[in-house]
């Protein structure tokens, strides 16, 4: 309960941000208004151990190379004299910052000796000792005439990492030696430890760089309680249908159909 309350309070962007970023009134949506850089944003508060800062890609912009960049920093945004133009390399070169560039594919960090087991239909995502309800973490495309083309990906949890409505989060998991590993989560799947040896003695803020072809993102609050009955129903339905358009033919209330398809 304490984690859930903290996560909802922290699910906002800091008022300190790059010069090309505009925040909405709620500080949950960040949009880069021009160019392709100066799109740095930070979480409003430092993250707690195991607390995920999750964003959904709301808008893309053609004509630029590169995508969203995500990570953690031990720099308090208030302490920055000038917000750097780029997270990579500018903010990282200041030290105590770890940033991962999201690509369309190949985001998983493979650790020798560790077996990768993606279990998209389990209600919780497990990272070290952290357990997060998976449903909120998953981005979903809107069903359409050609939905069947995407359904194999959809059933495996997935939109491409850089697509609209894709959900990307960052957290840190404490280790027995007193440091922490940074994990990137994309559409409900853990990409592995993308950075190791982070200090746990200093506050760590999420870094979201709305860079290049990513134009606008929105913070998604994550509840750490048990999945709702509605969510569990959706997991069962999605597991057994051929593709999302088949949901229209099921004898279900309209709101549940919509929830199962794309909410």
Protein backbone atom coordinates (compact mmCIF):
# COMPACT_ATOMS: atom_id res chain seq x y z
CA UNK A 1 0.00 0.00 0.00
CA UNK A 2 2.85 2.37 0.86
CA UNK A 3 4.55 1.65 -2.48
CA UNK A 4 1.29 2.21 -4.39
CA UNK A 5 0.74 5.58 -2.68
CA UNK A 6 4.31 6.67 -3.32
CA UNK A 7 4.13 5.64 -6.97
CA UNK A 8 0.99 7.67 -7.62
CA UNK A 9 2.50 10.76 -6.01
CA UNK A 10 5.71 10.39 -8.01
CA UNK A 11 4.05 9.67 -11.37
CA UNK A 12 4.72 13.16 -12.68
CA UNK A 13 7.50 15.02 -14.45
CA UNK A 14 9.76 17.46 -12.62
CA UNK A 15 9.24 21.14 -13.38
CA UNK A 16 12.90 21.30 -14.41
CA UNK A 17 13.27 20.07 -18.01
CA UNK A 18 14.86 20.72 -21.41
CA UNK A 19 14.19 23.98 -23.24
CA UNK A 20 12.17 22.28 -26.01
CA UNK A 21 9.82 20.45 -23.60
CA UNK A 22 6.33 21.60 -22.71
CA UNK A 23 4.47 19.92 -19.86
CA UNK A 24 0.70 19.81 -19.57
CA UNK A 25 -1.05 21.22 -16.48
CA UNK A 26 -0.88 17.88 -14.66
CA UNK A 27 2.86 17.43 -15.39
CA UNK A 28 2.10 13.94 -16.72
CA UNK A 29 2.54 14.69 -20.44
CA UNK A 30 5.81 15.92 -21.95
CA UNK A 31 5.95 17.13 -25.56
CA UNK A 32 9.00 18.31 -27.50
CA UNK A 33 7.77 21.36 -29.39
CA UNK A 34 10.60 21.82 -31.88
CA UNK A 35 13.87 20.40 -33.20
CA UNK A 36 15.01 16.91 -32.08
CA UNK A 37 17.01 17.67 -28.90
CA UNK A 38 16.68 19.56 -25.60
CA UNK A 39 13.98 17.07 -24.63
CA UNK A 40 15.28 15.98 -21.23
CA UNK A 41 12.73 15.27 -18.47
CA UNK A 42 13.05 13.90 -14.94
CA UNK A 43 10.75 12.25 -12.44
CA UNK A 44 9.22 14.67 -9.94
CA UNK A 45 10.65 12.68 -7.03
CA UNK A 46 13.53 10.24 -6.56
CA UNK A 47 12.47 6.64 -7.09
CA UNK A 48 12.19 4.13 -4.27
CA UNK A 49 13.92 0.74 -4.69
CA UNK A 50 11.81 -1.34 -7.07
CA UNK A 51 9.59 1.61 -8.03
CA UNK A 52 9.04 1.81 -11.78
CA UNK A 53 8.69 5.11 -13.64
CA UNK A 54 6.56 4.22 -16.66
CA UNK A 55 5.75 6.29 -19.75
CA UNK A 56 3.67 5.64 -22.85
CA UNK A 57 4.72 7.00 -26.24
CA UNK A 58 1.85 9.22 -27.36
CA UNK A 59 3.16 10.89 -30.49
CA UNK A 60 5.93 10.27 -33.03
CA UNK A 61 7.60 12.67 -35.46
CA UNK A 62 8.91 11.58 -38.84
CA UNK A 63 12.19 12.79 -40.26
CA UNK A 64 14.51 12.18 -37.29
CA UNK A 65 16.85 9.28 -36.50
CA UNK A 66 16.81 7.89 -32.97
CA UNK A 67 14.17 7.24 -30.33
CA UNK A 68 13.36 7.60 -26.65
CA UNK A 69 16.20 7.40 -24.12
CA UNK A 70 15.53 6.23 -20.58
CA UNK A 71 17.60 5.89 -17.43
CA UNK A 72 18.47 7.10 -13.94
CA UNK A 73 20.55 9.93 -12.51
CA UNK A 74 21.84 10.78 -9.05
CA UNK A 75 21.76 14.49 -9.95
CA UNK A 76 18.88 16.40 -8.37
CA UNK A 77 17.30 18.32 -11.30
CA UNK A 78 17.12 21.37 -9.03
CA UNK A 79 20.93 21.35 -8.82
CA UNK A 80 21.47 21.64 -12.59
CA UNK A 81 22.61 25.09 -13.66
CA UNK A 82 21.57 24.25 -17.22
CA UNK A 83 19.64 21.19 -18.38
CA UNK A 84 21.92 19.40 -20.87
CA UNK A 85 20.91 19.25 -24.51
CA UNK A 86 21.22 15.45 -24.64
CA UNK A 87 21.08 12.62 -22.12
CA UNK A 88 23.67 10.81 -24.26
CA UNK A 89 26.42 11.90 -24.02
CA UNK A 90 25.97 15.23 -22.17
CA UNK A 91 24.16 14.18 -18.97
CA UNK A 92 26.02 10.85 -18.78
CA UNK A 93 29.36 12.68 -19.06
CA UNK A 94 28.49 14.59 -15.89
CA UNK A 95 28.81 11.29 -14.03
CA UNK A 96 26.40 9.36 -11.78
CA UNK A 97 23.96 8.95 -14.69
CA UNK A 98 22.99 5.80 -16.55
CA UNK A 99 20.95 6.08 -19.76
CA UNK A 100 19.77 3.42 -22.23
CA UNK A 101 18.85 4.31 -25.83
CA UNK A 102 15.67 2.48 -26.84
CA UNK A 103 15.74 0.96 -30.33
CA UNK A 104 13.04 -0.72 -32.37
CA UNK A 105 14.66 -4.09 -31.65
CA UNK A 106 17.58 -5.50 -29.64
CA UNK A 107 16.87 -3.80 -26.30
CA UNK A 108 17.39 -6.93 -24.21
CA UNK A 109 20.66 -7.16 -22.29
CA UNK A 110 21.78 -10.79 -22.29
CA UNK A 111 23.68 -11.82 -19.16
CA UNK A 112 25.91 -14.86 -19.48
CA UNK A 113 24.57 -17.83 -17.53
CA UNK A 114 21.12 -16.33 -17.01
CA UNK A 115 18.13 -17.89 -18.75
CA UNK A 116 15.62 -15.51 -20.30
CA UNK A 117 12.06 -16.60 -19.57
CA UNK A 118 9.36 -14.33 -20.93
CA UNK A 119 6.00 -15.27 -19.45
CA UNK A 120 3.63 -12.62 -20.81
CA UNK A 121 0.48 -14.24 -19.44
CA UNK A 122 1.54 -14.25 -15.79
CA UNK A 123 -0.17 -11.42 -13.89
CA UNK A 124 3.04 -10.20 -12.25
CA UNK A 125 6.45 -9.23 -13.60
CA UNK A 126 9.23 -10.40 -11.27
CA UNK A 127 12.57 -8.54 -11.20
CA UNK A 128 14.87 -9.65 -8.40
CA UNK A 129 12.58 -9.27 -5.34
CA UNK A 130 10.34 -6.72 -7.06
CA UNK A 131 6.86 -7.85 -8.11
CA UNK A 132 4.86 -5.52 -10.38
CA UNK A 133 1.35 -6.15 -11.82
CA UNK A 134 2.11 -6.70 -15.50
CA UNK A 135 -1.13 -5.50 -17.07
CA UNK A 136 -0.46 -1.77 -16.64
CA UNK A 137 3.02 -2.21 -18.09
CA UNK A 138 1.77 -3.49 -21.46
CA UNK A 139 1.19 -1.14 -24.39
CA UNK A 140 -1.59 -2.08 -26.82
CA UNK A 141 -2.25 -0.96 -30.37
CA UNK A 142 -5.79 -0.10 -31.40
CA UNK A 143 -7.53 -3.00 -33.18
CA UNK A 144 -8.30 -2.30 -36.81
CA UNK A 145 -8.99 -3.93 -40.13
CA UNK A 146 -5.44 -5.27 -40.26
CA UNK A 147 -5.08 -6.22 -36.58
CA UNK A 148 -4.46 -9.86 -37.44
CA UNK A 149 -1.06 -8.85 -38.86
CA UNK A 150 0.03 -7.70 -35.40
CA UNK A 151 -1.65 -10.36 -33.32
CA UNK A 152 1.26 -12.76 -32.99
CA UNK A 153 3.24 -9.86 -31.55
CA UNK A 154 0.26 -8.75 -29.47
CA UNK A 155 -0.12 -12.18 -27.89
CA UNK A 156 3.56 -12.12 -26.95
CA UNK A 157 2.95 -8.75 -25.28
CA UNK A 158 3.90 -6.69 -27.88
CA UNK A 159 4.16 -3.59 -29.86
CA UNK A 160 7.59 -2.66 -31.20
CA UNK A 161 9.44 -0.78 -28.48
CA UNK A 162 9.40 2.54 -30.35
CA UNK A 163 5.78 2.44 -31.59
CA UNK A 164 2.96 4.72 -30.48
CA UNK A 165 1.27 3.38 -27.31
CA UNK A 166 4.35 1.37 -26.37
CA UNK A 167 5.06 1.56 -22.63
CA UNK A 168 8.61 1.85 -21.33
CA UNK A 169 9.72 2.01 -17.71
CA UNK A 170 12.86 2.19 -15.62
CA UNK A 171 13.58 1.00 -12.07
CA UNK A 172 16.50 -0.07 -9.90
CA UNK A 173 16.80 -3.32 -7.97
CA UNK A 174 19.10 -3.35 -4.89
CA UNK A 175 21.80 -6.02 -4.75
CA UNK A 176 23.38 -7.83 -1.76
CA UNK A 177 26.64 -5.86 -2.17
CA UNK A 178 24.87 -2.56 -1.45
CA UNK A 179 24.66 -1.36 -5.06
CA UNK A 180 21.75 -1.64 -7.50
CA UNK A 181 21.04 -2.79 -11.05
CA UNK A 182 19.04 -0.60 -13.45
CA UNK A 183 16.33 -2.44 -15.38
CA UNK A 184 14.40 -1.25 -18.42
CA UNK A 185 10.90 -2.72 -18.86
CA UNK A 186 9.27 -2.60 -22.31
CA UNK A 187 5.62 -3.59 -22.67
CA UNK A 188 5.70 -5.82 -19.62
CA UNK A 189 9.02 -7.53 -20.36
CA UNK A 190 12.20 -7.03 -18.37
CA UNK A 191 15.11 -6.21 -20.69
CA UNK A 192 17.67 -7.27 -18.08
CA UNK A 193 20.22 -5.23 -16.11
CA UNK A 194 21.22 -2.45 -18.50
CA UNK A 195 23.53 -0.92 -15.88
CA UNK A 196 25.11 -2.31 -12.71
CA UNK A 197 26.78 -0.85 -9.66
CA UNK A 198 24.43 2.10 -9.15
CA UNK A 199 24.75 3.77 -5.72
CA UNK A 200 21.83 3.26 -3.34
CA UNK A 201 23.08 5.87 -0.88
CA UNK A 202 21.99 8.76 -3.11
CA UNK A 203 18.51 9.59 -4.44
CA UNK A 204 17.99 8.34 -8.00
CA UNK A 205 15.69 10.22 -10.40
CA UNK A 206 14.22 8.76 -13.59
CA UNK A 207 15.53 10.30 -16.81
CA UNK A 208 13.26 10.45 -19.87
CA UNK A 209 14.80 11.97 -22.99
CA UNK A 210 12.05 12.77 -25.52
CA UNK A 211 14.50 12.51 -28.37
CA UNK A 212 14.30 12.60 -32.20
CA UNK A 213 11.36 10.55 -33.55
CA UNK A 214 9.69 10.37 -30.12
CA UNK A 215 7.71 13.60 -29.77
CA UNK A 216 5.38 13.16 -26.80
CA UNK A 217 5.11 10.79 -23.82
CA UNK A 218 2.75 10.43 -20.88
CA UNK A 219 3.46 9.09 -17.39
CA UNK A 220 1.40 6.00 -16.52
CA UNK A 221 0.73 5.44 -12.78
CA UNK A 222 1.40 1.89 -11.64
CA UNK A 223 -0.47 0.26 -8.77
CA UNK A 224 1.42 -2.41 -6.86
CA UNK A 225 -1.65 -4.17 -5.46
CA UNK A 226 -3.28 -7.36 -6.67
CA UNK A 227 -4.61 -7.45 -10.27
CA UNK A 228 -8.32 -6.68 -10.52
CA UNK A 229 -10.85 -9.33 -11.54
CA UNK A 230 -11.32 -7.35 -14.77
CA UNK A 231 -7.61 -7.59 -15.51
CA UNK A 232 -7.51 -11.33 -14.79
CA UNK A 233 -10.49 -11.83 -17.13
CA UNK A 234 -8.67 -9.94 -19.86
CA UNK A 235 -5.58 -12.12 -19.50
CA UNK A 236 -7.66 -15.29 -19.89
CA UNK A 237 -9.65 -13.94 -22.86
CA UNK A 238 -6.58 -12.68 -24.72
CA UNK A 239 -4.81 -15.98 -24.17
CA UNK A 240 -7.52 -17.96 -25.97
CA UNK A 241 -8.69 -15.76 -28.85
CA UNK A 242 -7.36 -15.98 -32.41
CA UNK A 243 -6.97 -12.21 -32.73
CA UNK A 244 -8.46 -9.08 -31.21
CA UNK A 245 -11.21 -8.65 -33.78
CA UNK A 246 -12.65 -11.94 -32.50
CA UNK A 247 -13.46 -10.19 -29.22
CA UNK A 248 -16.28 -8.33 -31.02
CA UNK A 249 -18.14 -11.63 -31.47
CA UNK A 250 -17.99 -12.62 -27.80
CA UNK A 251 -21.03 -12.31 -25.56
CA UNK A 252 -19.45 -9.71 -23.29
CA UNK A 253 -20.44 -6.23 -22.09
CA UNK A 254 -19.17 -3.51 -24.49
CA UNK A 255 -16.92 -1.92 -21.87
CA UNK A 256 -15.22 -5.25 -21.14
CA UNK A 257 -14.73 -5.82 -24.88
CA UNK A 258 -13.04 -2.44 -25.20
CA UNK A 259 -10.91 -3.13 -22.12
CA UNK A 260 -9.80 -6.50 -23.54
CA UNK A 261 -8.93 -5.03 -26.94
CA UNK A 262 -6.88 -1.97 -26.26
CA UNK A 263 -7.32 -0.09 -22.98
